[in-house]
Amino acid sequence: MTLGLFEIDDDGEGSLLAMIHGTRISDPVTTDKSMSIGSHEPDGATAALHSLCVHPGHRTRGWGTRVLKEYLVRMGKQKGIKRVTLIAHDELVPFYERYEKGFHPS
């Protein structure tokens, strides 16, 4: 459950600008344990967001917002997904709060 945003230059070379990654879990709450390797549950009803990364040279351009919004739309269309949850560092909470309608509290 990964989505990337790429930029292709005039020479056909690509650069990853932003990416988002998550996994499916059955628990309605994302925990540190649910973020561990091997925690993916293919039939889980929760999309647990693990990471949203933006290339340092491309921050403050809206790429994180763009990829997050698209991810939330796609998760909303995934069969069996009832909620999207995450764990965020304190300094990032205000960013995610702007999109809280797309998340289930965790």
PDB file of N, CA and C in Angstrom:
ATOM      1  N   MET A   1       0.831  -1.156   0.000  1.00  0.00           N
ATOM      2  CA  MET A   1       0.000   0.000   0.000  1.00  0.00           C
ATOM      3  C   MET A   1       0.888   1.234   0.000  1.00  0.00           C
ATOM      4  N   THR A   2       1.588   1.383  -1.105  1.00  0.00           N
ATOM      5  CA  THR A   2       2.541   2.475  -1.255  1.00  0.00           C
ATOM      6  C   THR A   2       2.168   3.309  -2.465  1.00  0.00           C
ATOM      7  N   LEU A   3       2.352   4.601  -2.341  1.00  0.00           N
ATOM      8  CA  LEU A   3       2.072   5.524  -3.434  1.00  0.00           C
ATOM      9  C   LEU A   3       3.237   6.493  -3.516  1.00  0.00           C
ATOM     10  N   GLY A   4       3.739   6.718  -4.732  1.00  0.00           N
ATOM     11  CA  GLY A   4       4.847   7.646  -4.918  1.00  0.00           C
ATOM     12  C   GLY A   4       4.513   8.720  -5.924  1.00  0.00           C
ATOM     13  N   LEU A   5       5.142   9.871  -5.763  1.00  0.00           N
ATOM     14  CA  LEU A   5       4.992  10.987  -6.683  1.00  0.00           C
ATOM     15  C   LEU A   5       6.371  11.250  -7.285  1.00  0.00           C
ATOM     16  N   PHE A   6       6.450  11.109  -8.608  1.00  0.00           N
ATOM     17  CA  PHE A   6       7.720  11.227  -9.302  1.00  0.00           C
ATOM     18  C   PHE A   6       7.722  12.421 -10.247  1.00  0.00           C
ATOM     19  N   GLU A   7       8.925  12.907 -10.527  1.00  0.00           N
ATOM     20  CA  GLU A   7       9.126  13.970 -11.503  1.00  0.00           C
ATOM     21  C   GLU A   7      10.080  13.420 -12.562  1.00  0.00           C
ATOM     22  N   ILE A   8       9.729  13.587 -13.829  1.00  0.00           N
ATOM     23  CA  ILE A   8      10.575  13.133 -14.921  1.00  0.00           C
ATOM     24  C   ILE A   8      11.159  14.363 -15.608  1.00  0.00           C
ATOM     25  N   ASP A   9      12.493  14.397 -15.738  1.00  0.00           N
ATOM     26  CA  ASP A   9      13.119  15.551 -16.378  1.00  0.00           C
ATOM     27  C   ASP A   9      13.151  15.376 -17.896  1.00  0.00           C
ATOM     28  N   ASP A  10      13.705  16.359 -18.600  1.00  0.00           N
ATOM     29  CA  ASP A  10      13.731  16.345 -20.064  1.00  0.00           C
ATOM     30  C   ASP A  10      14.537  15.186 -20.631  1.00  0.00           C
ATOM     31  N   ASP A  11      15.454  14.625 -19.840  1.00  0.00           N
ATOM     32  CA  ASP A  11      16.268  13.496 -20.284  1.00  0.00           C
ATOM     33  C   ASP A  11      15.623  12.160 -19.959  1.00  0.00           C
ATOM     34  N   GLY A  12      14.432  12.195 -19.385  1.00  0.00           N
ATOM     35  CA  GLY A  12      13.732  10.966 -19.044  1.00  0.00           C
ATOM     36  C   GLY A  12      14.156  10.367 -17.714  1.00  0.00           C
ATOM     37  N   GLU A  13      14.956  11.110 -16.952  1.00  0.00           N
ATOM     38  CA  GLU A  13      15.382  10.637 -15.639  1.00  0.00           C
ATOM     39  C   GLU A  13      14.307  10.982 -14.615  1.00  0.00           C
ATOM     40  N   GLY A  14      14.032  10.042 -13.731  1.00  0.00           N
ATOM     41  CA  GLY A  14      12.997  10.256 -12.726  1.00  0.00           C
ATOM     42  C   GLY A  14      13.556  10.500 -11.339  1.00  0.00           C
ATOM     43  N   SER A  15      12.828  11.289 -10.585  1.00  0.00           N
ATOM     44  CA  SER A  15      13.168  11.557  -9.184  1.00  0.00           C
ATOM     45  C   SER A  15      11.918  11.368  -8.342  1.00  0.00           C
ATOM     46  N   LEU A  16      12.078  10.706  -7.203  1.00  0.00           N
ATOM     47  CA  LEU A  16      10.987  10.530  -6.266  1.00  0.00           C
ATOM     48  C   LEU A  16      10.852  11.802  -5.436  1.00  0.00           C
ATOM     49  N   LEU A  17       9.692  12.474  -5.526  1.00  0.00           N
ATOM     50  CA  LEU A  17       9.468  13.702  -4.782  1.00  0.00           C
ATOM     51  C   LEU A  17       8.852  13.418  -3.417  1.00  0.00           C
ATOM     52  N   ALA A  18       7.903  12.480  -3.400  1.00  0.00           N
ATOM     53  CA  ALA A  18       7.207  12.162  -2.157  1.00  0.00           C
ATOM     54  C   ALA A  18       6.674  10.739  -2.228  1.00  0.00           C
ATOM     55  N   MET A  19       6.564  10.100  -1.079  1.00  0.00           N
ATOM     56  CA  MET A  19       5.971   8.762  -1.039  1.00  0.00           C
ATOM     57  C   MET A  19       5.268   8.565   0.287  1.00  0.00           C
ATOM     58  N   ILE A  20       4.287   7.663   0.237  1.00  0.00           N
ATOM     59  CA  ILE A  20       3.515   7.331   1.424  1.00  0.00           C
ATOM     60  C   ILE A  20       3.388   5.814   1.460  1.00  0.00           C
ATOM     61  N   HIS A  21       3.455   5.254   2.662  1.00  0.00           N
ATOM     62  CA  HIS A  21       3.441   3.801   2.795  1.00  0.00           C
ATOM     63  C   HIS A  21       2.611   3.397   4.009  1.00  0.00           C
ATOM     64  N   GLY A  22       1.833   2.364   3.827  1.00  0.00           N
ATOM     65  CA  GLY A  22       1.031   1.841   4.924  1.00  0.00           C
ATOM     66  C   GLY A  22       0.830   0.353   4.778  1.00  0.00           C
ATOM     67  N   THR A  23       0.087  -0.212   5.690  1.00  0.00           N
ATOM     68  CA  THR A  23      -0.212  -1.637   5.683  1.00  0.00           C
ATOM     69  C   THR A  23      -1.618  -1.839   6.214  1.00  0.00           C
ATOM     70  N   ARG A  24      -2.173  -2.992   5.951  1.00  0.00           N
ATOM     71  CA  ARG A  24      -3.496  -3.318   6.482  1.00  0.00           C
ATOM     72  C   ARG A  24      -3.338  -4.092   7.779  1.00  0.00           C
ATOM     73  N   ILE A  25      -4.167  -3.724   8.754  1.00  0.00           N
ATOM     74  CA  ILE A  25      -4.188  -4.425  10.035  1.00  0.00           C
ATOM     75  C   ILE A  25      -5.651  -4.643  10.433  1.00  0.00           C
ATOM     76  N   SER A  26      -5.897  -5.602  11.293  1.00  0.00           N
ATOM     77  CA  SER A  26      -7.274  -5.845  11.730  1.00  0.00           C
ATOM     78  C   SER A  26      -7.655  -5.004  12.941  1.00  0.00           C
ATOM     79  N   ASP A  27      -6.685  -4.589  13.721  1.00  0.00           N
ATOM     80  CA  ASP A  27      -6.945  -3.759  14.898  1.00  0.00           C
ATOM     81  C   ASP A  27      -7.392  -2.370  14.428  1.00  0.00           C
ATOM     82  N   PRO A  28      -8.380  -1.765  15.073  1.00  0.00           N
ATOM     83  CA  PRO A  28      -8.810  -0.429  14.660  1.00  0.00           C
ATOM     84  C   PRO A  28      -7.862   0.695  15.092  1.00  0.00           C
ATOM     85  N   VAL A  29      -6.836   0.367  15.855  1.00  0.00           N
ATOM     86  CA  VAL A  29      -5.883   1.352  16.351  1.00  0.00           C
ATOM     87  C   VAL A  29      -4.471   0.981  15.885  1.00  0.00           C
ATOM     88  N   THR A  30      -3.750   1.962  15.361  1.00  0.00           N
ATOM     89  CA  THR A  30      -2.358   1.752  14.965  1.00  0.00           C
ATOM     90  C   THR A  30      -1.482   1.821  16.208  1.00  0.00           C
ATOM     91  N   THR A  31      -0.611   0.834  16.357  1.00  0.00           N
ATOM     92  CA  THR A  31       0.317   0.778  17.484  1.00  0.00           C
ATOM     93  C   THR A  31       1.727   0.587  16.947  1.00  0.00           C
ATOM     94  N   ASP A  32       2.706   0.720  17.821  1.00  0.00           N
ATOM     95  CA  ASP A  32       4.081   0.448  17.396  1.00  0.00           C
ATOM     96  C   ASP A  32       4.204  -0.987  16.870  1.00  0.00           C
ATOM     97  N   LYS A  33       3.519  -1.920  17.518  1.00  0.00           N
ATOM     98  CA  LYS A  33       3.572  -3.318  17.091  1.00  0.00           C
ATOM     99  C   LYS A  33       2.999  -3.477  15.681  1.00  0.00           C
ATOM    100  N   SER A  34       1.924  -2.766  15.375  1.00  0.00           N
ATOM    101  CA  SER A  34       1.320  -2.904  14.046  1.00  0.00           C
ATOM    102  C   SER A  34       2.183  -2.288  12.953  1.00  0.00           C
ATOM    103  N   MET A  35       3.199  -1.550  13.339  1.00  0.00           N
ATOM    104  CA  MET A  35       4.123  -0.947  12.380  1.00  0.00           C
ATOM    105  C   MET A  35       5.333  -1.841  12.112  1.00  0.00           C
ATOM    106  N   SER A  36       5.405  -2.974  12.781  1.00  0.00           N
ATOM    107  CA  SER A  36       6.583  -3.829  12.657  1.00  0.00           C
ATOM    108  C   SER A  36       6.530  -4.683  11.388  1.00  0.00           C
ATOM    109  N   ILE A  37       7.681  -5.166  10.991  1.00  0.00           N
ATOM    110  CA  ILE A  37       7.793  -6.037   9.823  1.00  0.00           C
ATOM    111  C   ILE A  37       6.961  -7.284  10.060  1.00  0.00           C
ATOM    112  N   GLY A  38       6.202  -7.660   9.054  1.00  0.00           N
ATOM    113  CA  GLY A  38       5.384  -8.854   9.139  1.00  0.00           C
ATOM    114  C   GLY A  38       4.008  -8.623   9.732  1.00  0.00           C
ATOM    115  N   SER A  39       3.649  -7.358   9.977  1.00  0.00           N
ATOM    116  CA  SER A  39       2.352  -7.083  10.601  1.00  0.00           C
ATOM    117  C   SER A  39       1.198  -6.975   9.605  1.00  0.00           C
ATOM    118  N   HIS A  40       1.501  -6.984   8.308  1.00  0.00           N
ATOM    119  CA  HIS A  40       0.463  -6.822   7.286  1.00  0.00           C
ATOM    120  C   HIS A  40      -0.562  -7.946   7.351  1.00  0.00           C
ATOM    121  N   GLU A  41      -1.831  -7.557   7.396  1.00  0.00           N
ATOM    122  CA  GLU A  41      -2.939  -8.505   7.393  1.00  0.00           C
ATOM    123  C   GLU A  41      -3.788  -8.183   6.157  1.00  0.00           C
ATOM    124  N   PRO A  42      -3.690  -8.981   5.099  1.00  0.00           N
ATOM    125  CA  PRO A  42      -4.345  -8.662   3.820  1.00  0.00           C
ATOM    126  C   PRO A  42      -5.833  -8.347   3.906  1.00  0.00           C
ATOM    127  N   ASP A  43      -6.531  -8.895   4.883  1.00  0.00           N
ATOM    128  CA  ASP A  43      -7.962  -8.655   5.008  1.00  0.00           C
ATOM    129  C   ASP A  43      -8.301  -7.655   6.108  1.00  0.00           C
ATOM    130  N   GLY A  44      -7.293  -7.006   6.678  1.00  0.00           N
ATOM    131  CA  GLY A  44      -7.529  -6.042   7.747  1.00  0.00           C
ATOM    132  C   GLY A  44      -8.373  -4.867   7.281  1.00  0.00           C
ATOM    133  N   ALA A  45      -9.215  -4.353   8.169  1.00  0.00           N
ATOM    134  CA  ALA A  45     -10.114  -3.245   7.835  1.00  0.00           C
ATOM    135  C   ALA A  45      -9.490  -1.874   8.093  1.00  0.00           C
ATOM    136  N   THR A  46      -8.296  -1.853   8.655  1.00  0.00           N
ATOM    137  CA  THR A  46      -7.613  -0.594   8.957  1.00  0.00           C
ATOM    138  C   THR A  46      -6.398  -0.437   8.045  1.00  0.00           C
ATOM    139  N   ALA A  47      -6.295   0.725   7.412  1.00  0.00           N
ATOM    140  CA  ALA A  47      -5.081   1.085   6.682  1.00  0.00           C
ATOM    141  C   ALA A  47      -4.228   1.870   7.663  1.00  0.00           C
ATOM    142  N   ALA A  48      -3.133   1.284   8.122  1.00  0.00           N
ATOM    143  CA  ALA A  48      -2.240   1.914   9.093  1.00  0.00           C
ATOM    144  C   ALA A  48      -1.130   2.634   8.337  1.00  0.00           C
ATOM    145  N   LEU A  49      -1.146   3.939   8.373  1.00  0.00           N
ATOM    146  CA  LEU A  49      -0.151   4.746   7.673  1.00  0.00           C
ATOM    147  C   LEU A  49       1.171   4.679   8.428  1.00  0.00           C
ATOM    148  N   HIS A  50       2.215   4.206   7.749  1.00  0.00           N
ATOM    149  CA  HIS A  50       3.538   4.061   8.368  1.00  0.00           C
ATOM    150  C   HIS A  50       4.405   5.294   8.163  1.00  0.00           C
ATOM    151  N   SER A  51       4.416   5.803   6.944  1.00  0.00           N
ATOM    152  CA  SER A  51       5.313   6.929   6.687  1.00  0.00           C
ATOM    153  C   SER A  51       4.840   7.762   5.508  1.00  0.00           C
ATOM    154  N   LEU A  52       5.112   9.038   5.609  1.00  0.00           N
ATOM    155  CA  LEU A  52       4.920  10.001   4.531  1.00  0.00           C
ATOM    156  C   LEU A  52       6.222  10.776   4.464  1.00  0.00           C
ATOM    157  N   CYS A  53       6.909  10.664   3.341  1.00  0.00           N
ATOM    158  CA  CYS A  53       8.223  11.299   3.203  1.00  0.00           C
ATOM    159  C   CYS A  53       8.225  12.205   1.974  1.00  0.00           C
ATOM    160  N   VAL A  54       8.854  13.356   2.112  1.00  0.00           N
ATOM    161  CA  VAL A  54       9.036  14.280   0.998  1.00  0.00           C
ATOM    162  C   VAL A  54      10.524  14.574   0.893  1.00  0.00           C
ATOM    163  N   HIS A  55      11.045  14.501  -0.329  1.00  0.00           N
ATOM    164  CA  HIS A  55      12.455  14.796  -0.570  1.00  0.00           C
ATOM    165  C   HIS A  55      12.776  16.168   0.018  1.00  0.00           C
ATOM    166  N   PRO A  56      13.865  16.287   0.790  1.00  0.00           N
ATOM    167  CA  PRO A  56      14.193  17.565   1.435  1.00  0.00           C
ATOM    168  C   PRO A  56      14.249  18.756   0.480  1.00  0.00           C
ATOM    169  N   GLY A  57      14.681  18.535  -0.736  1.00  0.00           N
ATOM    170  CA  GLY A  57      14.762  19.631  -1.708  1.00  0.00           C
ATOM    171  C   GLY A  57      13.425  20.036  -2.294  1.00  0.00           C
ATOM    172  N   HIS A  58      12.388  19.315  -1.941  1.00  0.00           N
ATOM    173  CA  HIS A  58      11.062  19.597  -2.511  1.00  0.00           C
ATOM    174  C   HIS A  58       9.994  19.845  -1.433  1.00  0.00           C
ATOM    175  N   ARG A  59      10.420  20.110  -0.223  1.00  0.00           N
ATOM    176  CA  ARG A  59       9.462  20.376   0.851  1.00  0.00           C
ATOM    177  C   ARG A  59       8.870  21.774   0.710  1.00  0.00           C
ATOM    178  N   THR A  60       7.745  22.001   1.365  1.00  0.00           N
ATOM    179  CA  THR A  60       6.981  23.258   1.359  1.00  0.00           C
ATOM    180  C   THR A  60       6.443  23.612  -0.029  1.00  0.00           C
ATOM    181  N   ARG A  61       6.265  22.606  -0.875  1.00  0.00           N
ATOM    182  CA  ARG A  61       5.693  22.822  -2.209  1.00  0.00           C
ATOM    183  C   ARG A  61       4.339  22.135  -2.367  1.00  0.00           C
ATOM    184  N   GLY A  62       3.868  21.520  -1.286  1.00  0.00           N
ATOM    185  CA  GLY A  62       2.563  20.876  -1.335  1.00  0.00           C
ATOM    186  C   GLY A  62       2.569  19.419  -1.752  1.00  0.00           C
ATOM    187  N   TRP A  63       3.754  18.827  -1.958  1.00  0.00           N
ATOM    188  CA  TRP A  63       3.809  17.443  -2.418  1.00  0.00           C
ATOM    189  C   TRP A  63       3.309  16.469  -1.350  1.00  0.00           C
ATOM    190  N   GLY A  64       3.628  16.732  -0.083  1.00  0.00           N
ATOM    191  CA  GLY A  64       3.145  15.863   0.987  1.00  0.00           C
ATOM    192  C   GLY A  64       1.624  15.890   1.068  1.00  0.00           C
ATOM    193  N   THR A  65       1.059  17.068   0.956  1.00  0.00           N
ATOM    194  CA  THR A  65      -0.394  17.215   0.960  1.00  0.00           C
ATOM    195  C   THR A  65      -1.002  16.477  -0.224  1.00  0.00           C
ATOM    196  N   ARG A  66      -0.416  16.652  -1.373  1.00  0.00           N
ATOM    197  CA  ARG A  66      -0.951  16.019  -2.594  1.00  0.00           C
ATOM    198  C   ARG A  66      -0.954  14.501  -2.482  1.00  0.00           C
ATOM    199  N   VAL A  67       0.155  13.921  -2.048  1.00  0.00           N
ATOM    200  CA  VAL A  67       0.243  12.466  -1.968  1.00  0.00           C
ATOM    201  C   VAL A  67      -0.642  11.930  -0.837  1.00  0.00           C
ATOM    202  N   LEU A  68      -0.761  12.660   0.271  1.00  0.00           N
ATOM    203  CA  LEU A  68      -1.639  12.227   1.357  1.00  0.00           C
ATOM    204  C   LEU A  68      -3.101  12.234   0.917  1.00  0.00           C
ATOM    205  N   LYS A  69      -3.532  13.307   0.267  1.00  0.00           N
ATOM    206  CA  LYS A  69      -4.912  13.374  -0.204  1.00  0.00           C
ATOM    207  C   LYS A  69      -5.229  12.228  -1.170  1.00  0.00           C
ATOM    208  N   GLU A  70      -4.331  11.970  -2.087  1.00  0.00           N
ATOM    209  CA  GLU A  70      -4.550  10.878  -3.048  1.00  0.00           C
ATOM    210  C   GLU A  70      -4.589   9.531  -2.350  1.00  0.00           C
ATOM    211  N   TYR A  71      -3.725   9.343  -1.380  1.00  0.00           N
ATOM    212  CA  TYR A  71      -3.702   8.093  -0.615  1.00  0.00           C
ATOM    213  C   TYR A  71      -5.037   7.880   0.103  1.00  0.00           C
ATOM    214  N   LEU A  72      -5.551   8.937   0.743  1.00  0.00           N
ATOM    215  CA  LEU A  72      -6.822   8.832   1.454  1.00  0.00           C
ATOM    216  C   LEU A  72      -7.968   8.501   0.496  1.00  0.00           C
ATOM    217  N   VAL A  73      -7.953   9.103  -0.687  1.00  0.00           N
ATOM    218  CA  VAL A  73      -8.972   8.784  -1.692  1.00  0.00           C
ATOM    219  C   VAL A  73      -8.874   7.317  -2.095  1.00  0.00           C
ATOM    220  N   ARG A  74      -7.673   6.859  -2.367  1.00  0.00           N
ATOM    221  CA  ARG A  74      -7.488   5.462  -2.790  1.00  0.00           C
ATOM    222  C   ARG A  74      -7.849   4.475  -1.688  1.00  0.00           C
ATOM    223  N   MET A  75      -7.498   4.791  -0.447  1.00  0.00           N
ATOM    224  CA  MET A  75      -7.856   3.889   0.649  1.00  0.00           C
ATOM    225  C   MET A  75      -9.374   3.853   0.829  1.00  0.00           C
ATOM    226  N   GLY A  76     -10.042   4.972   0.585  1.00  0.00           N
ATOM    227  CA  GLY A  76     -11.490   5.024   0.675  1.00  0.00           C
ATOM    228  C   GLY A  76     -12.178   4.143  -0.367  1.00  0.00           C
ATOM    229  N   LYS A  77     -11.479   3.841  -1.444  1.00  0.00           N
ATOM    230  CA  LYS A  77     -12.033   3.002  -2.509  1.00  0.00           C
ATOM    231  C   LYS A  77     -11.622   1.540  -2.382  1.00  0.00           C
ATOM    232  N   GLN A  78     -10.692   1.235  -1.475  1.00  0.00           N
ATOM    233  CA  GLN A  78     -10.212  -0.135  -1.299  1.00  0.00           C
ATOM    234  C   GLN A  78     -11.284  -0.989  -0.629  1.00  0.00           C
ATOM    235  N   LYS A  79     -11.563  -2.119  -1.213  1.00  0.00           N
ATOM    236  CA  LYS A  79     -12.548  -3.040  -0.647  1.00  0.00           C
ATOM    237  C   LYS A  79     -12.098  -3.464   0.759  1.00  0.00           C
ATOM    238  N   GLY A  80     -13.015  -3.316   1.719  1.00  0.00           N
ATOM    239  CA  GLY A  80     -12.751  -3.771   3.075  1.00  0.00           C
ATOM    240  C   GLY A  80     -12.079  -2.772   3.997  1.00  0.00           C
ATOM    241  N   ILE A  81     -11.559  -1.664   3.473  1.00  0.00           N
ATOM    242  CA  ILE A  81     -10.925  -0.651   4.327  1.00  0.00           C
ATOM    243  C   ILE A  81     -12.021   0.217   4.948  1.00  0.00           C
ATOM    244  N   LYS A  82     -12.054   0.253   6.274  1.00  0.00           N
ATOM    245  CA  LYS A  82     -13.063   1.037   6.985  1.00  0.00           C
ATOM    246  C   LYS A  82     -12.490   2.308   7.597  1.00  0.00           C
ATOM    247  N   ARG A  83     -11.172   2.360   7.748  1.00  0.00           N
ATOM    248  CA  ARG A  83     -10.565   3.515   8.404  1.00  0.00           C
ATOM    249  C   ARG A  83      -9.088   3.602   8.013  1.00  0.00           C
ATOM    250  N   VAL A  84      -8.540   4.802   8.156  1.00  0.00           N
ATOM    251  CA  VAL A  84      -7.104   5.036   7.999  1.00  0.00           C
ATOM    252  C   VAL A  84      -6.636   5.625   9.323  1.00  0.00           C
ATOM    253  N   THR A  85      -5.594   5.043   9.896  1.00  0.00           N
ATOM    254  CA  THR A  85      -5.051   5.532  11.166  1.00  0.00           C
ATOM    255  C   THR A  85      -3.546   5.733  11.036  1.00  0.00           C
ATOM    256  N   LEU A  86      -2.954   6.417  12.008  1.00  0.00           N
ATOM    257  CA  LEU A  86      -1.508   6.633  11.994  1.00  0.00           C
ATOM    258  C   LEU A  86      -1.022   6.990  13.387  1.00  0.00           C
ATOM    259  N   ILE A  87       0.278   6.922  13.528  1.00  0.00           N
ATOM    260  CA  ILE A  87       0.983   7.450  14.692  1.00  0.00           C
ATOM    261  C   ILE A  87       1.873   8.555  14.131  1.00  0.00           C
ATOM    262  N   ALA A  88       1.845   9.745  14.753  1.00  0.00           N
ATOM    263  CA  ALA A  88       2.633  10.861  14.228  1.00  0.00           C
ATOM    264  C   ALA A  88       3.512  11.451  15.314  1.00  0.00           C
ATOM    265  N   HIS A  89       4.669  11.945  14.904  1.00  0.00           N
ATOM    266  CA  HIS A  89       5.530  12.703  15.808  1.00  0.00           C
ATOM    267  C   HIS A  89       4.783  13.983  16.202  1.00  0.00           C
ATOM    268  N   ASP A  90       4.996  14.435  17.423  1.00  0.00           N
ATOM    269  CA  ASP A  90       4.279  15.607  17.938  1.00  0.00           C
ATOM    270  C   ASP A  90       4.327  16.805  16.987  1.00  0.00           C
ATOM    271  N   GLU A  91       5.482  17.064  16.405  1.00  0.00           N
ATOM    272  CA  GLU A  91       5.625  18.245  15.547  1.00  0.00           C
ATOM    273  C   GLU A  91       4.857  18.114  14.230  1.00  0.00           C
ATOM    274  N   LEU A  92       4.442  16.892  13.877  1.00  0.00           N
ATOM    275  CA  LEU A  92       3.698  16.671  12.632  1.00  0.00           C
ATOM    276  C   LEU A  92       2.189  16.597  12.831  1.00  0.00           C
ATOM    277  N   VAL A  93       1.751  16.550  14.076  1.00  0.00           N
ATOM    278  CA  VAL A  93       0.309  16.437  14.352  1.00  0.00           C
ATOM    279  C   VAL A  93      -0.484  17.554  13.682  1.00  0.00           C
ATOM    280  N   PRO A  94      -0.055  18.826  13.745  1.00  0.00           N
ATOM    281  CA  PRO A  94      -0.845  19.880  13.082  1.00  0.00           C
ATOM    282  C   PRO A  94      -1.037  19.634  11.575  1.00  0.00           C
ATOM    283  N   PHE A  95      -0.032  19.090  10.909  1.00  0.00           N
ATOM    284  CA  PHE A  95      -0.172  18.776   9.477  1.00  0.00           C
ATOM    285  C   PHE A  95      -1.288  17.761   9.270  1.00  0.00           C
ATOM    286  N   TYR A  96      -1.260  16.668  10.021  1.00  0.00           N
ATOM    287  CA  TYR A  96      -2.262  15.619   9.846  1.00  0.00           C
ATOM    288  C   TYR A  96      -3.646  16.048  10.319  1.00  0.00           C
ATOM    289  N   GLU A  97      -3.715  16.933  11.302  1.00  0.00           N
ATOM    290  CA  GLU A  97      -5.013  17.404  11.788  1.00  0.00           C
ATOM    291  C   GLU A  97      -5.804  18.122  10.698  1.00  0.00           C
ATOM    292  N   ARG A  98      -5.123  18.694   9.732  1.00  0.00           N
ATOM    293  CA  ARG A  98      -5.820  19.363   8.623  1.00  0.00           C
ATOM    294  C   ARG A  98      -6.647  18.374   7.808  1.00  0.00           C
ATOM    295  N   TYR A  99      -6.299  17.103   7.908  1.00  0.00           N
ATOM    296  CA  TYR A  99      -6.970  16.064   7.112  1.00  0.00           C
ATOM    297  C   TYR A  99      -7.672  15.051   7.995  1.00  0.00           C
ATOM    298  N   GLU A 100      -8.006  15.455   9.219  1.00  0.00           N
ATOM    299  CA  GLU A 100      -8.558  14.519  10.192  1.00  0.00           C
ATOM    300  C   GLU A 100      -9.845  13.852   9.734  1.00  0.00           C
ATOM    301  N   LYS A 101     -10.589  14.458   8.832  1.00  0.00           N
ATOM    302  CA  LYS A 101     -11.800  13.808   8.340  1.00  0.00           C
ATOM    303  C   LYS A 101     -11.465  12.527   7.587  1.00  0.00           C
ATOM    304  N   GLY A 102     -10.248  12.418   7.084  1.00  0.00           N
ATOM    305  CA  GLY A 102      -9.840  11.209   6.382  1.00  0.00           C
ATOM    306  C   GLY A 102      -9.289  10.137   7.281  1.00  0.00           C
ATOM    307  N   PHE A 103      -9.106  10.467   8.579  1.00  0.00           N
ATOM    308  CA  PHE A 103      -8.501   9.523   9.527  1.00  0.00           C
ATOM    309  C   PHE A 103      -9.472   9.116  10.606  1.00  0.00           C
ATOM    310  N   HIS A 104      -9.210   7.977  11.162  1.00  0.00           N
ATOM    311  CA  HIS A 104      -9.916   7.500  12.346  1.00  0.00           C
ATOM    312  C   HIS A 104      -8.942   7.701  13.499  1.00  0.00           C
ATOM    313  N   PRO A 105      -9.354   8.294  14.625  1.00  0.00           N
ATOM    314  CA  PRO A 105      -8.416   8.515  15.732  1.00  0.00           C
ATOM    315  C   PRO A 105      -7.715   7.232  16.175  1.00  0.00           C
ATOM    316  N   SER A 106      -6.450   7.322  16.447  1.00  0.00           N
ATOM    317  CA  SER A 106      -5.677   6.161  16.878  1.00  0.00           C
ATOM    318  C   SER A 106      -4.919   6.492  18.137  1.00  0.00           C
TER     319      SER A 106
END
